[in-house]
Amino acid sequence: MKPVEFKGVNCVIAANQKPYLPLPAYKHKDDWKCISACWGLSFVERIIVLFTGKIYTTLPTFGKPLTPQKLQIDNPV
């Protein structure tokens, strides 16, 4: 999976921070202070998801409590 641009992108997280990939994102202007990003799947990844119905996520917490998360298929912008 790779981060991809989408309608509404208004910032890029880790633009020049190796070893991270730049993450095009939408920074919400609300009380939740959310960031939304979009990930594109390769052809092989699409086939795997089609058959397994699963996507895993890994979020660094740096020893802090996990923040809420939401995966969705529609553009949140």
Protein backbone atom coordinates (compact mmCIF):
# COMPACT_ATOMS: atom_id res chain seq x y z
CA MET A 1 0.00 0.00 0.00
CA LYS A 2 1.11 3.51 -0.72
CA PRO A 3 -0.29 6.86 0.38
CA VAL A 4 -2.07 8.62 -2.49
CA GLU A 5 -3.36 12.13 -3.09
CA PHE A 6 -7.12 12.65 -2.98
CA LYS A 7 -9.60 15.50 -3.36
CA GLY A 8 -9.28 17.82 -0.39
CA VAL A 9 -5.59 17.29 0.49
CA ASN A 10 -4.37 20.37 2.35
CA CYS A 11 -1.10 19.20 3.95
CA VAL A 12 1.68 16.64 3.65
CA ILE A 13 2.85 14.82 6.78
CA ALA A 14 6.57 13.90 6.96
CA ALA A 15 7.31 15.68 3.68
CA ASN A 16 11.09 15.50 4.10
CA GLN A 17 11.53 12.99 6.90
CA LYS A 18 13.45 9.85 6.02
CA PRO A 19 12.69 6.95 6.43
CA TYR A 20 8.99 7.91 6.26
CA LEU A 21 6.94 8.25 3.09
CA PRO A 22 5.31 11.64 2.56
CA LEU A 23 1.66 11.34 3.57
CA PRO A 24 -0.79 13.56 1.66
CA ALA A 25 -3.55 14.35 4.13
CA TYR A 26 -6.56 16.44 4.94
CA LYS A 27 -6.31 18.30 8.23
CA HIS A 28 -9.87 18.71 9.50
CA LYS A 29 -10.95 22.03 10.94
CA ASP A 30 -13.07 20.68 13.76
CA ASP A 31 -12.90 19.99 17.48
CA TRP A 32 -11.52 16.48 16.96
CA LYS A 33 -8.37 17.75 15.24
CA CYS A 34 -8.38 14.80 12.84
CA ILE A 35 -6.10 13.96 9.94
CA SER A 36 -7.44 11.87 7.05
CA ALA A 37 -5.26 10.06 4.52
CA CYS A 38 -5.88 7.76 1.56
CA TRP A 39 -3.97 4.59 0.70
CA GLY A 40 -3.85 2.93 -2.72
CA LEU A 41 -3.62 -0.83 -3.07
CA SER A 42 -1.61 -2.62 -5.73
CA PHE A 43 -3.34 -5.18 -7.93
CA VAL A 44 -2.02 -8.06 -5.80
CA GLU A 45 -3.12 -6.34 -2.59
CA ARG A 46 -6.61 -5.86 -4.06
CA ILE A 47 -6.84 -9.59 -4.81
CA ILE A 48 -5.68 -10.48 -1.29
CA VAL A 49 -8.24 -8.13 0.30
CA LEU A 50 -10.95 -9.49 -2.02
CA PHE A 51 -10.34 -13.03 -0.77
CA THR A 52 -9.46 -12.37 2.89
CA GLY A 53 -11.60 -9.31 3.57
CA LYS A 54 -8.88 -8.06 5.93
CA ILE A 55 -6.62 -5.02 6.20
CA TYR A 56 -4.22 -4.60 9.11
CA THR A 57 -3.08 -1.29 10.56
CA THR A 58 0.01 -0.46 12.61
CA LEU A 59 0.09 2.80 14.53
CA PRO A 60 3.17 3.87 16.46
CA THR A 61 2.12 5.01 19.95
CA PHE A 62 5.57 5.82 21.32
CA GLY A 63 4.39 4.42 24.65
CA LYS A 64 1.35 6.70 24.82
CA PRO A 65 -2.31 5.57 24.82
CA LEU A 66 -3.72 4.57 21.44
CA THR A 67 -5.82 7.28 19.84
CA PRO A 68 -9.18 6.39 18.27
CA GLN A 69 -9.08 5.36 14.63
CA LYS A 70 -11.53 4.89 11.80
CA LEU A 71 -11.08 3.12 8.47
CA GLN A 72 -13.61 3.95 5.77
CA ILE A 73 -14.16 3.69 2.03
CA ASP A 74 -15.62 7.14 1.36
CA ASN A 75 -13.73 10.44 1.16
CA PRO A 76 -14.19 12.22 4.51
CA VAL A 77 -13.68 15.67 2.96
